[in-house]
Protein backbone atom coordinates (compact mmCIF):
# COMPACT_ATOMS: atom_id res chain seq x y z
CA MET A 1 -1.61 -32.30 41.19
CA VAL A 2 -4.83 -30.97 39.32
CA ALA A 3 -2.77 -27.58 39.50
CA VAL A 4 0.04 -28.60 38.13
CA GLU A 5 -1.96 -30.62 35.81
CA ARG A 6 -3.64 -27.45 34.58
CA GLY A 7 -0.26 -25.51 34.50
CA ARG A 8 1.33 -28.05 31.91
CA ARG A 9 -2.15 -27.97 29.58
CA ALA A 10 -1.80 -24.17 30.06
CA VAL A 11 1.80 -23.81 28.65
CA TRP A 12 0.93 -26.07 25.43
CA ARG A 13 -2.40 -25.09 24.91
CA PRO A 14 -1.04 -22.02 22.77
CA LEU A 15 0.86 -24.42 20.69
CA MET A 16 -2.16 -26.77 19.93
CA GLU A 17 -4.15 -23.73 19.20
CA LEU A 18 -1.33 -22.30 16.57
CA PRO A 19 -3.26 -23.94 13.82
CA ARG A 20 -5.92 -22.02 13.96
CA ARG A 21 -4.25 -18.87 14.21
CA LEU A 22 -2.47 -19.68 10.34
CA ASN A 23 -4.52 -16.69 9.26
CA LEU A 24 -2.40 -14.37 11.68
CA VAL A 25 0.61 -15.74 10.83
CA ALA A 26 0.26 -15.80 7.03
CA ALA A 27 -0.75 -12.16 7.51
CA LEU A 28 2.19 -11.28 9.41
CA ALA A 29 4.50 -12.95 7.61
CA ARG A 30 3.14 -11.01 4.08
CA ARG A 31 3.70 -7.84 6.06
CA GLU A 32 7.09 -8.55 6.84
CA LEU A 33 7.86 -9.34 2.84
CA ALA A 34 5.86 -6.17 1.87
CA ALA A 35 7.56 -4.20 4.34
CA ARG A 36 11.10 -5.25 3.38
CA TYR A 37 10.66 -4.24 -0.33
CA ARG A 38 8.37 -1.36 -0.02
CA GLY A 39 10.16 1.93 -1.08
CA SER A 40 12.70 -0.06 -3.02
CA MET A 41 13.11 0.72 -6.61
CA LEU A 42 14.01 -3.20 -7.43
CA GLY A 43 11.07 -4.42 -5.20
CA LEU A 44 11.24 -8.49 -5.31
CA LEU A 45 14.52 -8.36 -7.35
CA LEU A 46 16.50 -7.54 -4.11
CA ALA A 47 15.67 -10.86 -2.83
CA LEU A 48 17.47 -12.35 -5.66
CA LEU A 49 20.72 -9.97 -6.47
CA THR A 50 21.84 -9.95 -2.70
CA PRO A 51 22.52 -13.61 -3.13
CA VAL A 52 23.61 -13.38 -6.50
CA VAL A 53 26.24 -10.76 -5.90
CA MET A 54 27.37 -12.91 -2.57
CA ILE A 55 27.80 -16.22 -4.49
CA ALA A 56 29.86 -14.46 -7.19
CA LEU A 57 31.88 -13.19 -4.99
CA TYR A 58 32.38 -16.74 -3.32
CA THR A 59 32.87 -18.52 -6.59
CA PHE A 60 35.55 -15.98 -7.45
CA ILE A 61 37.16 -16.60 -4.34
CA PHE A 62 36.73 -20.22 -3.47
CA ALA A 63 36.39 -21.55 -6.99
CA GLY A 64 38.83 -18.82 -8.89
CA ILE A 65 41.42 -18.20 -6.26
CA PHE A 66 41.54 -21.71 -4.17
CA GLY A 67 40.36 -24.00 -6.93
CA ALA A 68 37.27 -25.41 -4.76
CA ARG A 69 35.06 -27.48 -6.93
CA PHE A 70 31.60 -29.53 -6.42
CA GLY A 71 29.67 -32.03 -8.63
CA ARG A 72 31.29 -34.77 -11.10
CA GLU A 73 32.04 -31.76 -13.72
CA GLY A 74 33.51 -29.63 -11.75
CA SER A 75 33.38 -26.39 -13.40
CA THR A 76 32.93 -23.19 -11.77
CA TRP A 77 29.61 -22.73 -12.87
CA ASP A 78 28.85 -26.32 -11.07
CA TYR A 79 30.39 -24.75 -7.68
CA ALA A 80 28.35 -21.80 -8.04
CA LEU A 81 25.06 -23.64 -8.40
CA TYR A 82 25.85 -25.64 -5.47
CA VAL A 83 26.99 -22.94 -3.02
CA PHE A 84 23.46 -21.11 -4.04
CA CYS A 85 21.56 -24.42 -3.40
CA GLY A 86 23.29 -24.62 0.01
CA LEU A 87 22.80 -20.94 0.87
CA LEU A 88 19.07 -20.50 0.39
CA PRO A 89 18.05 -22.90 3.32
CA TRP A 90 21.05 -21.48 5.37
CA ALA A 91 20.14 -17.77 4.89
CA ALA A 92 16.37 -18.40 5.57
CA PHE A 93 17.58 -20.06 8.83
CA ALA A 94 19.95 -17.08 9.74
CA GLU A 95 17.71 -14.60 8.88
CA THR A 96 14.97 -16.30 11.33
CA LEU A 97 17.31 -16.20 14.21
CA GLN A 98 18.52 -12.80 14.13
CA THR A 99 15.29 -11.06 13.51
CA SER A 100 13.24 -13.39 16.05
CA SER A 101 15.89 -12.47 18.83
CA THR A 102 14.81 -8.84 18.95
CA THR A 103 11.05 -9.82 17.82
CA ILE A 104 9.66 -9.26 21.47
CA ILE A 105 11.35 -6.33 22.18
CA THR A 106 10.43 -4.88 18.61
CA HIS A 107 6.96 -5.60 19.48
CA ALA A 108 6.76 -4.18 23.24
CA ASN A 109 3.34 -2.64 22.47
CA LEU A 110 1.93 -6.13 22.12
CA VAL A 111 3.72 -7.34 25.39
CA LYS A 112 2.19 -4.78 27.33
CA ARG A 113 -1.21 -3.40 25.88
CA VAL A 114 -2.82 -6.17 23.89
CA VAL A 115 -3.79 -10.30 24.67
CA PHE A 116 -1.68 -11.17 21.97
CA PRO A 117 -0.51 -14.73 20.89
CA LEU A 118 3.25 -13.71 20.94
CA GLU A 119 4.32 -17.37 19.66
CA VAL A 120 3.15 -16.48 16.16
CA LEU A 121 6.03 -13.67 15.86
CA PRO A 122 9.10 -16.24 15.60
CA VAL A 123 6.77 -18.30 13.49
CA SER A 124 5.91 -15.36 11.01
CA HIS A 125 9.74 -14.51 10.62
CA ALA A 126 10.26 -17.98 9.75
CA LEU A 127 7.95 -18.30 7.08
CA ALA A 128 8.52 -14.90 5.95
CA ALA A 129 12.39 -16.29 5.66
CA VAL A 130 10.85 -19.23 3.87
CA GLY A 131 9.15 -16.87 1.25
CA ASN A 132 12.91 -15.45 0.44
CA GLN A 133 14.15 -18.78 -0.06
CA VAL A 134 11.34 -19.84 -2.25
CA PHE A 135 12.22 -16.88 -4.75
CA GLY A 136 15.79 -17.90 -4.48
CA THR A 137 14.79 -21.92 -5.40
CA LEU A 138 13.08 -20.47 -8.31
CA ALA A 139 16.19 -18.38 -9.36
CA LEU A 140 18.36 -21.69 -8.87
CA LEU A 141 16.28 -23.61 -10.84
CA ALA A 142 16.50 -21.17 -13.53
CA ALA A 143 19.94 -21.39 -13.39
CA THR A 144 20.17 -24.78 -13.48
CA LEU A 145 18.34 -25.32 -16.58
CA LEU A 146 20.46 -22.80 -18.38
CA VAL A 147 23.72 -24.21 -17.40
CA ARG A 148 22.61 -28.11 -17.10
CA GLY A 149 19.67 -27.74 -19.52
CA ARG A 150 17.33 -29.96 -17.44
CA ILE A 151 16.11 -29.94 -13.75
CA HIS A 152 15.52 -33.22 -11.83
CA PRO A 153 12.14 -35.18 -10.64
CA THR A 154 13.56 -35.58 -7.47
CA LEU A 155 12.76 -32.14 -6.79
CA LEU A 156 9.54 -33.47 -5.77
CA TRP A 157 11.57 -34.08 -1.99
CA LEU A 158 11.64 -30.38 -1.79
CA PRO A 159 8.49 -30.04 0.25
CA LEU A 160 9.77 -32.63 2.87
CA LEU A 161 12.81 -31.17 3.22
CA VAL A 162 11.49 -27.26 3.99
CA SER A 163 9.07 -28.73 6.49
CA LEU A 164 12.03 -30.46 8.37
CA GLN A 165 13.97 -27.27 8.42
CA LEU A 166 10.57 -24.98 9.53
CA ILE A 167 10.79 -27.52 12.54
CA LEU A 168 14.30 -26.50 13.61
CA MET A 169 13.48 -22.56 12.56
CA PHE A 170 10.39 -22.73 14.63
CA GLY A 171 12.04 -24.62 17.49
CA LEU A 172 15.10 -21.85 17.90
CA SER A 173 13.21 -18.74 17.03
CA TRP A 174 11.06 -19.29 20.08
CA LEU A 175 14.44 -20.06 21.98
CA VAL A 176 16.13 -16.71 20.84
CA ALA A 177 13.06 -14.79 21.01
CA SER A 178 12.76 -15.42 24.56
CA LEU A 179 16.22 -15.02 25.31
CA GLY A 180 16.51 -11.69 23.44
CA VAL A 181 14.12 -10.18 25.87
CA PHE A 182 16.22 -11.45 29.34
CA LEU A 183 20.04 -11.00 27.37
CA ARG A 184 19.70 -7.93 25.22
CA ASP A 185 23.31 -9.09 23.55
CA THR A 186 21.62 -12.26 22.22
CA ARG A 187 21.29 -10.83 18.76
CA ASP A 188 25.01 -10.43 18.83
CA ALA A 189 25.72 -14.00 19.97
CA VAL A 190 23.25 -15.29 17.59
CA SER A 191 25.50 -13.51 14.94
CA LEU A 192 28.58 -14.89 16.03
CA GLY A 193 27.37 -18.36 16.38
CA LEU A 194 25.97 -18.19 13.10
CA THR A 195 28.82 -17.41 11.36
CA ALA A 196 31.08 -20.20 13.22
CA TRP A 197 28.35 -22.77 12.09
CA MET A 198 28.02 -21.55 8.84
CA PHE A 199 31.95 -22.44 8.30
CA LEU A 200 31.52 -25.59 9.88
CA THR A 201 28.79 -26.77 7.57
CA PRO A 202 30.16 -27.57 4.07
CA LEU A 203 28.27 -24.61 2.24
CA LEU A 204 31.25 -23.31 0.50
CA TYR A 205 33.72 -26.32 0.23
CA PRO A 206 32.58 -29.87 -0.30
CA GLU A 207 32.73 -32.24 2.68
CA GLN A 208 35.33 -34.63 0.67
CA ILE A 209 38.49 -32.03 1.25
CA VAL A 210 37.72 -31.83 4.81
CA PRO A 211 40.94 -33.07 6.28
CA GLU A 212 40.10 -36.54 7.97
CA ARG A 213 41.11 -34.98 11.74
CA TYR A 214 38.36 -32.67 11.22
CA ARG A 215 35.30 -34.56 9.69
CA VAL A 216 34.06 -34.92 13.18
CA PHE A 217 32.79 -31.54 12.67
CA ILE A 218 31.23 -32.10 9.55
CA GLU A 219 29.78 -35.31 10.27
CA TYR A 220 28.20 -34.46 13.96
CA ASN A 221 26.59 -31.12 12.36
CA PRO A 222 22.93 -31.49 11.95
CA TRP A 223 22.89 -28.88 9.13
CA THR A 224 25.22 -31.42 6.86
CA PRO A 225 22.74 -33.99 5.90
CA LEU A 226 20.27 -31.23 5.04
CA ILE A 227 22.24 -29.30 3.11
CA ARG A 228 23.62 -32.87 1.44
CA SER A 229 19.76 -33.24 0.87
CA TYR A 230 19.02 -30.34 -1.34
CA ARG A 231 21.86 -30.88 -3.40
CA ARG A 232 21.13 -33.84 -4.05
CA VAL A 233 17.38 -33.40 -4.72
CA VAL A 234 18.13 -30.04 -6.97
CA LEU A 235 21.57 -30.99 -8.74
CA GLU A 236 22.28 -34.75 -8.70
CA ASN A 237 18.91 -36.31 -9.27
CA SER A 238 19.54 -38.49 -6.46
CA ALA A 239 17.15 -39.26 -3.14
CA PRO A 240 18.04 -37.62 0.18
CA ASP A 241 20.19 -38.99 2.56
CA TRP A 242 17.81 -40.69 4.66
CA ARG A 243 19.59 -41.76 7.78
CA GLY A 244 21.50 -38.26 7.83
CA LEU A 245 17.52 -36.64 7.52
CA LEU A 246 16.24 -38.83 10.56
CA LEU A 247 19.06 -37.38 12.68
CA PHE A 248 18.48 -34.10 11.89
CA PHE A 249 14.62 -34.55 12.47
CA LEU A 250 15.46 -35.99 15.90
CA PHE A 251 17.77 -32.55 16.48
CA ALA A 252 15.03 -30.33 15.16
CA LEU A 253 12.39 -32.03 17.10
CA PHE A 254 14.04 -31.78 20.40
CA PHE A 255 14.87 -28.13 19.80
CA PHE A 256 11.25 -27.31 18.70
CA ILE A 257 10.24 -29.13 22.21
CA ILE A 258 12.58 -27.29 24.33
CA GLY A 259 12.25 -23.98 22.47
CA TYR A 260 8.75 -23.73 22.80
CA TRP A 261 8.82 -24.42 26.18
CA TRP A 262 10.83 -22.02 27.27
CA PHE A 263 9.14 -19.71 25.42
CA ALA A 264 5.85 -20.67 26.84
CA ARG A 265 7.35 -20.76 30.88
CA THR A 266 8.91 -17.30 30.38
CA ARG A 267 6.43 -15.30 28.46
CA ARG A 268 4.60 -14.48 31.57
CA ASN A 269 7.75 -12.43 32.63
CA PHE A 270 8.09 -10.43 29.20
CA ALA A 271 6.13 -7.50 30.31
CA ASP A 272 7.80 -7.16 33.63
CA VAL A 273 11.17 -7.04 32.17
CA ILE A 274 10.41 -5.10 29.05
């Protein structure tokens, strides 16, 4: 019984010590961001240019050709703002999972040769992706100010939304990081799953146009209330969807616990597999 109890404590101890390693996590996240734009002529502008090009393409296809509209005014510019607002957190989430799926393999030297807190690697990927999201959010606010002439005080809810988003990102990134060691096609599976999940999330289209028989996919999608809340606080001057956020939090907390537990229990075998 004593040995079992000690084993349980050993599993959760690195998580409890994670706040003391924030300097290491921040250094890794900064290094990842710097490496991403090192040698690029555009530098940090690349972080803004890529989503702008994608949003322009989505706006042309969905708003220009198919006539999709968001918001009360229903203009093409409003559609672009709504898509931009939804894609920013989703892009950070997708980037984190894709990067984390190969992070242990990429850092095999840390697994084999050095006593290193491997749990910080997925966390640093998540923080680097959120750093990109922050840059994009600044561009979104500038675009909102330009198009609508104002921004709203409900923006103060943004840190709460980002915090809830990070809980899910940490948990799932730990999970896919471990799976990526044992299943080498994890990255491809994650990319395929994210593509399907993206189109089942009202990012490119408003929830209201979904036929009733398919609304179950939207209503039970945990990302729907988070995206809805982002749009409410940034574009609609409204409070977040509290009931939906509670469900999202429970979903995120579940995967935070499961993801970390799985990572901690399997990490002892990383060196053998790699």
